[in-house]
C-alpha atoms as a PDB file:
ATOM      1  CA  MET A   1       8.784 -21.041 -17.983  1.00  0.00           C
ATOM      2  CA  PRO A   2       5.004 -20.213 -17.589  1.00  0.00           C
ATOM      3  CA  SER A   3       3.611 -20.393 -13.976  1.00  0.00           C
ATOM      4  CA  ASN A   4       0.742 -23.123 -13.736  1.00  0.00           C
ATOM      5  CA  PHE A   5      -0.607 -21.297 -10.320  1.00  0.00           C
ATOM      6  CA  PHE A   6      -3.252 -18.482 -10.285  1.00  0.00           C
ATOM      7  CA  ILE A   7      -3.358 -15.285  -8.209  1.00  0.00           C
ATOM      8  CA  SER A   8      -6.565 -13.775  -7.664  1.00  0.00           C
ATOM      9  CA  ASP A   9      -7.179  -9.935  -8.013  1.00  0.00           C
ATOM     10  CA  LYS A  10      -7.639  -9.667  -4.306  1.00  0.00           C
ATOM     11  CA  GLU A  11      -4.165 -11.494  -3.491  1.00  0.00           C
ATOM     12  CA  THR A  12      -2.488  -8.920  -6.135  1.00  0.00           C
ATOM     13  CA  GLU A  13      -4.003  -6.093  -4.722  1.00  0.00           C
ATOM     14  CA  LYS A  14      -2.614  -7.238  -1.333  1.00  0.00           C
ATOM     15  CA  ILE A  15       0.775  -7.643  -2.404  1.00  0.00           C
ATOM     16  CA  PHE A  16       0.945  -4.701  -4.407  1.00  0.00           C
ATOM     17  CA  CYS A  17      -0.523  -2.454  -1.096  1.00  0.00           C
ATOM     18  CA  THR A  18       2.077  -4.478   1.282  1.00  0.00           C
ATOM     19  CA  GLU A  19       4.902  -3.476  -1.118  1.00  0.00           C
ATOM     20  CA  LEU A  20       3.497   0.210  -1.405  1.00  0.00           C
ATOM     21  CA  VAL A  21       2.969   0.676   2.549  1.00  0.00           C
ATOM     22  CA  LYS A  22       6.826  -1.155   2.993  1.00  0.00           C
ATOM     23  CA  TYR A  23       8.088   1.579   1.399  1.00  0.00           C
ATOM     24  CA  GLY A  24       6.371   4.704   2.836  1.00  0.00           C
ATOM     25  CA  VAL A  25       3.283   5.133   0.841  1.00  0.00           C
ATOM     26  CA  GLU A  26       0.303   6.497   2.727  1.00  0.00           C
ATOM     27  CA  TYR A  27      -2.018   3.310   3.828  1.00  0.00           C
ATOM     28  CA  GLU A  28      -4.976   4.895   1.905  1.00  0.00           C
ATOM     29  CA  LYS A  29      -2.958   5.937  -1.477  1.00  0.00           C
ATOM     30  CA  ALA A  30      -1.643   2.639  -1.260  1.00  0.00           C
ATOM     31  CA  VAL A  31      -4.961   0.595  -1.076  1.00  0.00           C
ATOM     32  CA  LEU A  32      -6.399   2.954  -4.135  1.00  0.00           C
ATOM     33  CA  THR A  33      -3.184   2.446  -6.153  1.00  0.00           C
ATOM     34  CA  ALA A  34      -3.342  -1.272  -5.313  1.00  0.00           C
ATOM     35  CA  LYS A  35      -6.942  -1.679  -6.571  1.00  0.00           C
ATOM     36  CA  ILE A  36      -6.048   0.531  -9.581  1.00  0.00           C
ATOM     37  CA  LEU A  37      -2.844  -1.683 -10.478  1.00  0.00           C
ATOM     38  CA  ALA A  38      -4.533  -5.097 -10.182  1.00  0.00           C
ATOM     39  CA  SER A  39      -7.385  -4.177 -12.134  1.00  0.00           C
ATOM     40  CA  GLY A  40      -5.398  -4.421 -15.062  1.00  0.00           C
ATOM     41  CA  LYS A  41      -7.136  -1.768 -16.999  1.00  0.00           C
ATOM     42  CA  PRO A  42      -5.153  -0.078 -19.543  1.00  0.00           C
ATOM     43  CA  ASP A  43      -4.156   3.513 -19.126  1.00  0.00           C
ATOM     44  CA  GLU A  44      -6.519   4.816 -21.645  1.00  0.00           C
ATOM     45  CA  LEU A  45      -9.529   3.370 -19.422  1.00  0.00           C
ATOM     46  CA  LEU A  46      -8.299   5.352 -16.099  1.00  0.00           C
ATOM     47  CA  SER A  47      -9.137   8.583 -15.197  1.00  0.00           C
ATOM     48  CA  PRO A  48      -6.884  11.582 -14.742  1.00  0.00           C
ATOM     49  CA  GLU A  49      -7.393  11.227 -10.819  1.00  0.00           C
ATOM     50  CA  GLU A  50      -6.398   7.507 -10.924  1.00  0.00           C
ATOM     51  CA  ILE A  51      -3.419   8.113 -13.104  1.00  0.00           C
ATOM     52  CA  ARG A  52      -2.079  11.011 -10.754  1.00  0.00           C
ATOM     53  CA  ILE A  53      -2.812   8.547  -7.604  1.00  0.00           C
ATOM     54  CA  VAL A  54      -0.713   5.913  -9.174  1.00  0.00           C
ATOM     55  CA  LYS A  55       1.957   7.844 -10.546  1.00  0.00           C
ATOM     56  CA  GLU A  56       2.433   9.601  -7.066  1.00  0.00           C
ATOM     57  CA  ALA A  57       2.194   6.490  -5.053  1.00  0.00           C
ATOM     58  CA  CYS A  58       4.790   4.657  -7.647  1.00  0.00           C
ATOM     59  CA  GLU A  59       7.111   7.314  -7.468  1.00  0.00           C
ATOM     60  CA  LYS A  60       7.304   7.151  -3.959  1.00  0.00           C
ATOM     61  CA  TRP A  61       7.639   3.706  -3.965  1.00  0.00           C
ATOM     62  CA  PHE A  62      10.265   3.914  -6.623  1.00  0.00           C
ATOM     63  CA  VAL A  63      12.457   6.570  -4.741  1.00  0.00           C
ATOM     64  CA  GLN A  64      12.363   4.993  -1.151  1.00  0.00           C
ATOM     65  CA  ASN A  65      12.994   1.502  -2.661  1.00  0.00           C
ATOM     66  CA  ASN A  66      16.140   3.083  -4.627  1.00  0.00           C
ATOM     67  CA  ARG A  67      17.142   4.386  -1.170  1.00  0.00           C
ATOM     68  CA  TYR A  68      16.804   1.196   0.780  1.00  0.00           C
ATOM     69  CA  LYS A  69      19.100  -0.628  -1.920  1.00  0.00           C
ATOM     70  CA  LYS A  70      21.724   1.930  -1.741  1.00  0.00           C
ATOM     71  CA  LEU A  71      21.926   1.886   2.149  1.00  0.00           C
ATOM     72  CA  LYS A  72      21.933  -2.178   1.821  1.00  0.00           C
ATOM     73  CA  SER A  73      24.548  -1.781  -0.475  1.00  0.00           C
ATOM     74  CA  PHE A  74      26.678   0.498   2.013  1.00  0.00           C
ATOM     75  CA  GLU A  75      25.753  -1.605   4.801  1.00  0.00           C
ATOM     76  CA  ASN A  76      27.398  -4.837   2.615  1.00  0.00           C
ATOM     77  CA  ASN A  77      30.372  -2.926   1.542  1.00  0.00           C
ATOM     78  CA  SER A  78      31.236  -1.735   4.859  1.00  0.00           C
ATOM     79  CA  VAL A  79      31.013  -5.276   6.628  1.00  0.00           C
END
């Protein structure tokens, strides 16, 4: 079902940045990554440096998010 509301690029940046920082990505790297992701540019138009920054931040987010999920599942199973 399509959504009828609009989220600005700035709001999208804030959401990405918050998620990245929440899971341990350094603030400066999270801000840069959020700007790059919110821009919506295809990978072909990103510089190698931008790709590296995004890749590092997203890998950190992925590892920490999975760690959090695992800990939550142990917590829920032990109760």
